[in-house]
Amino acid sequence: MSQTTERPLINVESHEPGSAKGIYHLVIHLSQSRGIAVGRLGWHFFPRGYYVYTGSALSGLGARLNRHLREDKRDRWHIDYLLRAGRLTEIWYHVTGRRLECTANQAIANMPGAREVVCGFGSSDCRCRTHLWHFRVRPRLDRSRFRPAARAARVESVDRS
């Protein structure tokens, strides 16, 4: 297992402060199907494949993305449980002060091959059915609206085995 360091692994671009507001997508690969206990949501079956999770950080986007990369954290959000089981392969973000998380999530839901796996995942504070979508093959995100996080190659090297 690789060890993460205390230095930031994701830098929200230098002209944007670490306290920037924004929304993001995490792309997680699960190499084998498995059951995962997801906090209060309980035990759920997750088929192998790719998952896209949509989240927001209304303050501290850089800190939030860095937290998702850390292995030494307490499970706080639904996504923390999936991150322990899978491999984070991509992070995409959009700096904005507007509350666009649900709109961005709906765009992922409308992509070909998107499938709901766990109702209520990441959506306890909104009316969306879920903020996690499963894809059998790696999805292609809209590069016109989101940009890959700096040092994305570093993200791909995170080993959670």
Protein backbone atom coordinates (compact mmCIF):
# COMPACT_ATOMS: atom_id res chain seq x y z
CA MET A 1 0.00 0.00 0.00
CA SER A 2 1.38 3.39 -0.90
CA GLN A 3 1.65 6.03 1.79
CA THR A 4 0.34 9.52 1.21
CA THR A 5 2.23 12.51 2.53
CA GLU A 6 0.94 15.61 4.27
CA ARG A 7 1.70 17.84 1.27
CA PRO A 8 -1.28 18.55 -1.00
CA LEU A 9 -1.73 16.09 -3.84
CA ILE A 10 -4.22 18.24 -5.68
CA ASN A 11 -3.61 21.92 -6.29
CA VAL A 12 -6.61 23.92 -7.40
CA GLU A 13 -4.92 26.17 -9.94
CA SER A 14 -2.61 28.78 -8.45
CA HIS A 15 -4.79 31.77 -9.35
CA GLU A 16 -7.65 30.14 -7.44
CA PRO A 17 -7.31 30.12 -3.65
CA GLY A 18 -7.56 26.85 -1.74
CA SER A 19 -10.75 28.22 -0.22
CA ALA A 20 -12.40 28.36 -3.67
CA LYS A 21 -15.98 27.14 -3.92
CA GLY A 22 -16.91 24.57 -6.49
CA ILE A 23 -18.26 21.23 -7.61
CA TYR A 24 -16.39 18.09 -8.58
CA HIS A 25 -16.64 14.58 -9.97
CA LEU A 26 -14.63 11.66 -8.63
CA VAL A 27 -14.13 8.72 -10.98
CA ILE A 28 -13.54 5.50 -9.05
CA HIS A 29 -12.69 2.09 -10.47
CA LEU A 30 -13.86 -1.04 -8.69
CA SER A 31 -11.99 -3.99 -10.19
CA GLN A 32 -14.21 -6.66 -8.60
CA SER A 33 -17.85 -6.73 -7.61
CA ARG A 34 -18.36 -6.66 -3.87
CA GLY A 35 -20.64 -5.81 -1.00
CA ILE A 36 -19.81 -2.65 0.92
CA ALA A 37 -21.33 -1.33 4.13
CA VAL A 38 -22.05 2.36 3.48
CA GLY A 39 -22.64 3.96 6.88
CA ARG A 40 -26.32 4.45 7.65
CA LEU A 41 -27.29 3.38 4.13
CA GLY A 42 -26.28 -0.16 5.11
CA TRP A 43 -24.89 -3.00 3.05
CA HIS A 44 -25.08 -2.71 -0.76
CA PHE A 45 -23.76 -4.69 -3.70
CA PHE A 46 -21.45 -2.74 -6.01
CA PRO A 47 -20.80 -4.30 -9.43
CA ARG A 48 -17.30 -3.97 -10.85
CA GLY A 49 -16.78 -1.06 -13.17
CA TYR A 50 -16.47 2.70 -12.90
CA TYR A 51 -18.37 5.03 -10.61
CA VAL A 52 -18.80 8.78 -10.93
CA TYR A 53 -19.59 10.63 -7.72
CA THR A 54 -20.63 14.30 -7.82
CA GLY A 55 -19.93 16.50 -4.81
CA SER A 56 -19.52 20.12 -3.83
CA ALA A 57 -17.34 22.21 -1.57
CA LEU A 58 -18.89 25.53 -0.68
CA SER A 59 -15.60 26.53 0.91
CA GLY A 60 -12.23 24.88 0.54
CA LEU A 61 -12.45 22.98 -2.75
CA GLY A 62 -8.73 22.17 -2.67
CA ALA A 63 -8.98 20.85 0.88
CA ARG A 64 -12.00 18.72 0.01
CA LEU A 65 -10.27 17.14 -2.98
CA ASN A 66 -7.16 16.47 -0.93
CA ARG A 67 -9.28 14.82 1.76
CA HIS A 68 -10.73 12.42 -0.80
CA LEU A 69 -7.17 11.38 -1.68
CA ARG A 70 -6.11 10.66 1.90
CA GLU A 71 -6.26 7.13 3.23
CA ASP A 72 -5.82 8.14 6.89
CA LYS A 73 -9.26 9.61 7.47
CA ARG A 74 -12.38 8.79 9.42
CA ASP A 75 -15.32 7.69 7.28
CA ARG A 76 -17.61 10.71 7.25
CA TRP A 77 -19.43 10.75 3.91
CA HIS A 78 -20.91 7.92 1.85
CA ILE A 79 -18.12 8.28 -0.70
CA ASP A 80 -15.48 7.47 1.93
CA TYR A 81 -16.70 3.86 2.08
CA LEU A 82 -16.45 3.37 -1.68
CA LEU A 83 -13.04 5.06 -1.83
CA ARG A 84 -11.70 2.45 0.62
CA ALA A 85 -12.79 -0.35 -1.71
CA GLY A 86 -11.96 1.19 -5.09
CA ARG A 87 -9.23 3.15 -6.84
CA LEU A 88 -9.65 6.85 -7.45
CA THR A 89 -8.63 7.33 -11.07
CA GLU A 90 -9.76 10.86 -11.94
CA ILE A 91 -10.85 14.07 -10.27
CA TRP A 92 -12.63 16.78 -12.26
CA TYR A 93 -13.63 20.14 -10.80
CA HIS A 94 -15.34 23.39 -11.67
CA VAL A 95 -14.79 26.52 -9.56
CA THR A 96 -18.09 28.29 -8.99
CA GLY A 97 -19.95 29.98 -6.19
CA ARG A 98 -23.26 28.76 -7.62
CA ARG A 99 -24.98 25.65 -6.27
CA LEU A 100 -24.66 23.49 -9.38
CA GLU A 101 -23.98 20.10 -7.77
CA CYS A 102 -27.39 18.63 -8.62
CA THR A 103 -27.30 20.01 -12.17
CA ALA A 104 -23.85 18.46 -12.72
CA ASN A 105 -25.08 15.21 -11.18
CA GLN A 106 -28.05 15.13 -13.57
CA ALA A 107 -25.66 15.54 -16.51
CA ILE A 108 -23.82 12.41 -15.34
CA ALA A 109 -27.13 10.57 -14.88
CA ASN A 110 -28.04 11.37 -18.50
CA MET A 111 -24.82 9.91 -19.91
CA PRO A 112 -25.11 6.66 -21.88
CA GLY A 113 -24.61 3.64 -19.62
CA ALA A 114 -25.22 5.47 -16.31
CA ARG A 115 -26.92 3.22 -13.79
CA GLU A 116 -28.09 3.88 -10.23
CA VAL A 117 -26.71 1.41 -7.71
CA VAL A 118 -27.52 2.92 -4.29
CA CYS A 119 -30.49 5.21 -3.77
CA GLY A 120 -29.60 8.05 -1.40
CA PHE A 121 -25.82 7.82 -1.91
CA GLY A 122 -24.38 11.31 -1.39
CA SER A 123 -27.78 12.94 -1.75
CA SER A 124 -29.06 13.22 1.80
CA ASP A 125 -29.09 17.03 1.55
CA CYS A 126 -30.99 17.37 -1.74
CA ARG A 127 -33.86 15.84 -3.73
CA CYS A 128 -31.68 13.78 -6.10
CA ARG A 129 -32.11 10.00 -5.89
CA THR A 130 -28.33 9.55 -5.82
CA HIS A 131 -25.04 11.31 -6.54
CA LEU A 132 -23.27 8.09 -7.55
CA TRP A 133 -23.55 6.54 -11.00
CA HIS A 134 -22.16 3.21 -12.19
CA PHE A 135 -20.72 2.60 -15.66
CA ARG A 136 -19.48 -0.75 -16.99
CA VAL A 137 -16.78 1.06 -19.00
CA ARG A 138 -14.83 4.21 -18.19
CA PRO A 139 -17.06 7.23 -18.88
CA ARG A 140 -15.88 10.29 -20.77
CA LEU A 141 -16.66 13.47 -18.87
CA ASP A 142 -17.50 16.78 -20.52
CA ARG A 143 -14.15 18.57 -20.79
CA SER A 144 -15.80 21.83 -21.83
CA ARG A 145 -17.22 22.42 -18.37
CA PHE A 146 -14.86 20.60 -16.02
CA ARG A 147 -11.11 20.40 -16.02
CA PRO A 148 -8.94 17.61 -14.71
CA ALA A 149 -7.34 18.36 -11.37
CA ALA A 150 -3.68 19.30 -11.49
CA ARG A 151 -1.33 16.34 -11.15
CA ALA A 152 -3.97 13.86 -12.33
CA ALA A 153 -1.20 11.33 -13.03
CA ARG A 154 -0.58 11.31 -9.29
CA VAL A 155 -4.23 10.50 -8.72
CA GLU A 156 -4.01 7.51 -11.04
CA SER A 157 -1.07 6.13 -9.04
CA VAL A 158 -2.99 5.89 -5.77
CA ASP A 159 -2.95 2.21 -4.77
CA ARG A 160 -5.61 1.12 -2.30
CA SER A 161 -4.90 -2.62 -2.33
